[in-house]
């Protein structure tokens, strides 16, 4: 494997650890407590500290990773950012290390695409295969599950959760949890049905999509209370794994569900 390539105009802390094939471009500042996996590339003008990055990631210019959280409770405690493999992190992105209110880690999974000006605040947890369009902003402690698409200029309230395989339209504000498999949009986001196109693209069966549609109508379009609707869906459709995932997400919510 090729040895790391460090541009002479980069500034690198003595304890930074680079795997084979890593490239650090000009005017990057690599601070303390940084580990970078094989073939990851820091293009130029990047500031990074207290961060672990996996393999085959590309970080574009004017991005900062692992800087202290924007949290008045934070007093310099030892926290970090952990980023998985095969991520594309575009220009002017900020990903802050954790504060003291969680487990000490802001965590990013693998195979994600973050477009320009995205902000991921302290203690967020991002899954795999997530796409976040330009200027998406996540407040602290937000959870984004796998295969989520978030449109541009979306703001997500702290502690909110975005369920797997969901899609959020641009210019939306997300004050409550977005259930998995759904689409949502709006100044105070509302649900607009299943993410049917996304589910078909990911090879969900017609039977599964049909069950999810039936569950959605009972949960979000009937006149039942949410508790009554959950009980009915569990009784009528609880044999489907995806329906059970949907019900479990709803039952665990703390901020309320967008309906």
Protein backbone atom coordinates (compact mmCIF):
# COMPACT_ATOMS: atom_id res chain seq x y z
CA UNK A 1 0.00 0.00 0.00
CA UNK A 2 1.04 3.59 -0.67
CA UNK A 3 2.36 5.53 2.28
CA UNK A 4 0.42 8.61 3.44
CA UNK A 5 0.99 11.77 1.42
CA UNK A 6 1.22 14.89 3.56
CA UNK A 7 1.49 18.19 1.70
CA UNK A 8 4.35 20.36 3.02
CA UNK A 9 1.89 23.23 3.56
CA UNK A 10 -0.22 21.10 5.95
CA UNK A 11 0.15 21.34 9.75
CA UNK A 12 -0.09 17.98 11.49
CA UNK A 13 -0.05 17.19 15.22
CA UNK A 14 2.61 14.75 16.39
CA UNK A 15 0.05 12.18 17.61
CA UNK A 16 -2.06 12.09 14.42
CA UNK A 17 -2.29 8.58 12.95
CA UNK A 18 -2.62 7.96 9.21
CA UNK A 19 -3.20 4.61 7.48
CA UNK A 20 -1.82 3.68 4.05
CA UNK A 21 -3.02 5.73 1.12
CA UNK A 22 -4.18 8.74 3.16
CA UNK A 23 -3.73 12.14 1.47
CA UNK A 24 -3.59 15.42 3.40
CA UNK A 25 -3.74 18.40 1.06
CA UNK A 26 -2.33 21.91 1.37
CA UNK A 27 -3.32 24.19 4.26
CA UNK A 28 -5.02 21.42 6.20
CA UNK A 29 -4.64 21.57 9.99
CA UNK A 30 -4.75 18.13 11.60
CA UNK A 31 -4.90 18.53 15.36
CA UNK A 32 -4.58 16.14 18.26
CA UNK A 33 -6.43 12.85 18.68
CA UNK A 34 -6.99 12.24 14.98
CA UNK A 35 -7.02 8.83 13.26
CA UNK A 36 -7.62 8.51 9.52
CA UNK A 37 -8.26 5.22 7.70
CA UNK A 38 -6.92 3.86 4.42
CA UNK A 39 -7.25 5.92 1.24
CA UNK A 40 -9.16 8.77 2.85
CA UNK A 41 -8.42 12.15 1.33
CA UNK A 42 -8.44 15.58 2.97
CA UNK A 43 -8.39 17.88 -0.05
CA UNK A 44 -7.28 21.27 1.34
CA UNK A 45 -8.09 23.98 3.93
CA UNK A 46 -9.62 21.46 6.37
CA UNK A 47 -9.48 21.73 10.16
CA UNK A 48 -9.82 18.49 12.08
CA UNK A 49 -9.29 17.44 15.69
CA UNK A 50 -10.60 14.77 18.09
CA UNK A 51 -11.91 12.75 15.17
CA UNK A 52 -11.64 9.21 13.79
CA UNK A 53 -12.38 8.73 10.09
CA UNK A 54 -12.67 5.36 8.34
CA UNK A 55 -11.55 4.23 4.90
CA UNK A 56 -12.15 5.73 1.46
CA UNK A 57 -13.71 8.99 2.61
CA UNK A 58 -13.26 12.30 0.78
CA UNK A 59 -13.42 15.57 2.71
CA UNK A 60 -13.71 18.70 0.56
CA UNK A 61 -12.23 22.16 1.30
CA UNK A 62 -13.25 24.51 4.11
CA UNK A 63 -14.74 21.80 6.30
CA UNK A 64 -14.21 21.47 10.06
CA UNK A 65 -14.49 18.17 11.91
CA UNK A 66 -14.37 17.53 15.63
CA UNK A 67 -14.32 21.09 16.93
CA UNK A 68 -15.95 21.81 20.31
CA UNK A 69 -19.76 21.69 20.46
CA UNK A 70 -21.93 24.79 20.49
CA UNK A 71 -23.18 23.90 23.96
CA UNK A 72 -22.74 26.17 26.97
CA UNK A 73 -22.55 23.11 29.23
CA UNK A 74 -19.37 21.94 27.53
CA UNK A 75 -16.23 22.72 29.53
CA UNK A 76 -13.54 20.98 27.53
CA UNK A 77 -14.38 17.38 28.42
CA UNK A 78 -12.80 14.56 26.40
CA UNK A 79 -15.24 13.78 23.55
CA UNK A 80 -14.90 13.01 19.85
CA UNK A 81 -16.36 12.43 16.40
CA UNK A 82 -16.33 8.96 14.81
CA UNK A 83 -16.95 8.70 11.05
CA UNK A 84 -17.27 5.41 9.12
CA UNK A 85 -16.19 4.39 5.62
CA UNK A 86 -16.96 5.63 2.09
CA UNK A 87 -18.38 9.00 3.08
CA UNK A 88 -18.40 12.11 0.89
CA UNK A 89 -18.21 15.30 2.96
CA UNK A 90 -18.51 18.38 0.76
CA UNK A 91 -17.49 22.01 1.24
CA UNK A 92 -18.09 24.16 4.35
CA UNK A 93 -19.47 21.33 6.47
CA UNK A 94 -19.26 21.38 10.27
CA UNK A 95 -19.44 18.23 12.38
CA UNK A 96 -18.95 18.93 16.09
CA UNK A 97 -17.67 16.56 18.71
CA UNK A 98 -19.99 15.46 21.49
CA UNK A 99 -20.90 17.39 24.60
CA UNK A 100 -21.43 15.92 28.07
CA UNK A 101 -25.11 15.03 27.74
CA UNK A 102 -24.66 11.83 25.73
CA UNK A 103 -22.14 9.01 25.43
CA UNK A 104 -19.29 11.30 24.39
CA UNK A 105 -19.39 10.55 20.66
CA UNK A 106 -20.91 12.23 17.62
CA UNK A 107 -21.24 9.23 15.33
CA UNK A 108 -21.50 9.04 11.54
CA UNK A 109 -21.97 5.70 9.75
CA UNK A 110 -20.81 4.67 6.27
CA UNK A 111 -21.72 5.37 2.63
CA UNK A 112 -23.22 8.77 3.34
CA UNK A 113 -23.27 11.87 1.14
CA UNK A 114 -23.33 15.26 2.87
CA UNK A 115 -23.68 18.23 0.51
CA UNK A 116 -22.28 21.72 1.06
CA UNK A 117 -22.92 23.72 4.26
CA UNK A 118 -24.44 20.80 6.19
CA UNK A 119 -24.18 21.17 9.98
CA UNK A 120 -24.19 18.12 12.26
CA UNK A 121 -24.23 19.20 15.90
CA UNK A 122 -22.92 17.50 19.01
CA UNK A 123 -24.07 13.99 19.96
CA UNK A 124 -25.88 13.34 16.69
CA UNK A 125 -26.03 9.78 15.42
CA UNK A 126 -26.22 9.30 11.65
CA UNK A 127 -26.72 5.84 10.14
CA UNK A 128 -25.66 4.50 6.74
CA UNK A 129 -26.59 5.47 3.18
CA UNK A 130 -27.93 8.87 4.28
CA UNK A 131 -28.09 11.82 1.88
CA UNK A 132 -28.30 15.33 3.33
CA UNK A 133 -28.71 18.12 0.79
CA UNK A 134 -27.22 21.60 1.00
CA UNK A 135 -27.56 23.58 4.24
CA UNK A 136 -29.33 20.86 6.18
CA UNK A 137 -28.93 21.59 9.91
CA UNK A 138 -29.17 19.05 12.70
CA UNK A 139 -29.36 20.32 16.27
CA UNK A 140 -27.81 18.34 19.11
CA UNK A 141 -28.69 14.71 19.85
CA UNK A 142 -30.57 14.16 16.58
CA UNK A 143 -30.78 10.55 15.33
CA UNK A 144 -30.97 9.87 11.59
CA UNK A 145 -31.47 6.22 10.71
CA UNK A 146 -30.37 4.36 7.54
CA UNK A 147 -31.36 5.29 3.96
CA UNK A 148 -32.81 8.70 4.84
CA UNK A 149 -32.91 11.54 2.32
CA UNK A 150 -33.15 15.09 3.71
CA UNK A 151 -33.74 17.96 1.28
CA UNK A 152 -31.96 21.30 1.28
CA UNK A 153 -32.38 23.99 3.94
CA UNK A 154 -34.03 21.62 6.43
CA UNK A 155 -33.73 22.31 10.18
CA UNK A 156 -34.15 19.45 12.65
CA UNK A 157 -34.94 20.14 16.32
CA UNK A 158 -32.68 18.76 19.02
CA UNK A 159 -33.41 15.20 20.20
CA UNK A 160 -35.64 14.52 17.16
CA UNK A 161 -35.39 11.20 15.34
CA UNK A 162 -35.68 10.57 11.61
CA UNK A 163 -36.78 7.02 10.85
CA UNK A 164 -35.15 4.73 8.28
CA UNK A 165 -36.11 4.96 4.60
CA UNK A 166 -37.90 8.27 5.10
CA UNK A 167 -37.69 11.37 2.92
CA UNK A 168 -37.95 15.01 4.02
CA UNK A 169 -38.71 17.76 1.52
CA UNK A 170 -36.62 20.92 1.30
CA UNK A 171 -37.28 24.07 3.36
CA UNK A 172 -38.85 22.00 6.15
CA UNK A 173 -38.68 22.39 9.92
CA UNK A 174 -38.75 19.15 11.89
CA UNK A 175 -39.98 19.70 15.48
CA UNK A 176 -40.95 16.06 16.16
CA UNK A 177 -40.00 12.54 15.12
CA UNK A 178 -40.47 11.42 11.51
CA UNK A 179 -41.61 7.77 11.35
CA UNK A 180 -39.69 5.33 9.14
CA UNK A 181 -40.79 4.70 5.54
CA UNK A 182 -42.69 8.01 5.28
CA UNK A 183 -42.37 11.35 3.50
CA UNK A 184 -42.64 14.66 5.33
CA UNK A 185 -42.45 18.35 4.50
CA UNK A 186 -43.59 21.75 5.68
CA UNK A 187 -42.78 24.76 7.84
CA UNK A 188 -43.88 22.54 10.75
CA UNK A 189 -43.50 19.22 9.01
CA UNK A 190 -46.49 17.01 8.31
CA UNK A 191 -46.59 13.53 6.83
CA UNK A 192 -47.57 13.08 3.19
CA UNK A 193 -47.74 9.29 2.84
CA UNK A 194 -45.19 6.55 2.35
CA UNK A 195 -41.85 7.00 0.62
CA UNK A 196 -43.10 4.53 -1.98
CA UNK A 197 -40.58 5.35 -4.69
CA UNK A 198 -37.69 5.01 -2.25
CA UNK A 199 -39.01 1.69 -0.97
CA UNK A 200 -39.35 0.31 -4.51
CA UNK A 201 -35.83 1.44 -5.38
CA UNK A 202 -34.55 -0.51 -2.37
CA UNK A 203 -36.40 -3.63 -3.46
CA UNK A 204 -39.08 -3.78 -0.79
CA UNK A 205 -41.68 -6.33 -1.88
CA UNK A 206 -45.15 -5.33 -3.06
CA UNK A 207 -46.59 -7.17 -0.05
CA UNK A 208 -44.44 -5.21 2.39
CA UNK A 209 -45.32 -1.88 0.77
CA UNK A 210 -49.01 -2.82 0.83
CA UNK A 211 -48.81 -3.67 4.56
CA UNK A 212 -47.05 -0.39 5.28
CA UNK A 213 -49.71 1.54 3.36
CA UNK A 214 -52.47 -0.11 5.39
CA UNK A 215 -50.59 0.63 8.62
CA UNK A 216 -50.03 4.25 7.58
CA UNK A 217 -53.75 4.80 6.90
CA UNK A 218 -54.70 3.41 10.31
CA UNK A 219 -52.00 5.31 12.20
CA UNK A 220 -52.16 8.67 10.48
CA UNK A 221 -55.39 8.95 8.51
CA UNK A 222 -58.00 7.34 10.76
CA UNK A 223 -59.90 9.06 13.58
CA UNK A 224 -58.43 6.70 16.16
CA UNK A 225 -56.18 7.98 18.90
CA UNK A 226 -52.55 7.06 18.34
CA UNK A 227 -52.73 4.46 21.11
CA UNK A 228 -55.83 2.87 19.59
CA UNK A 229 -54.28 2.96 16.11
CA UNK A 230 -51.09 1.26 17.32
CA UNK A 231 -53.14 -1.50 18.95
CA UNK A 232 -55.19 -2.05 15.78
CA UNK A 233 -52.12 -2.14 13.51
CA UNK A 234 -50.37 -4.53 15.86
CA UNK A 235 -53.42 -6.82 15.82
CA UNK A 236 -54.11 -6.66 12.07
CA UNK A 237 -50.62 -6.31 10.54
CA UNK A 238 -48.14 -7.11 13.29
CA UNK A 239 -46.71 -10.10 11.38
CA UNK A 240 -44.72 -7.84 9.07
CA UNK A 241 -41.18 -7.01 10.24
CA UNK A 242 -41.35 -3.53 8.71
CA UNK A 243 -44.69 -2.81 10.37
CA UNK A 244 -43.24 -3.92 13.70
CA UNK A 245 -40.29 -1.56 13.13
CA UNK A 246 -42.74 1.27 12.49
CA UNK A 247 -44.71 0.52 15.65
CA UNK A 248 -41.57 0.20 17.77
CA UNK A 249 -40.34 3.59 16.51
CA UNK A 250 -43.65 5.21 17.45
CA UNK A 251 -43.81 3.59 20.87
CA UNK A 252 -40.28 4.77 21.74
CA UNK A 253 -40.83 8.40 20.77
CA UNK A 254 -40.37 11.13 23.39
CA UNK A 255 -40.92 14.33 21.40
CA UNK A 256 -44.11 13.27 19.68
CA UNK A 257 -44.70 12.07 16.13
CA UNK A 258 -45.35 14.22 13.08
CA UNK A 259 -48.80 13.17 11.85
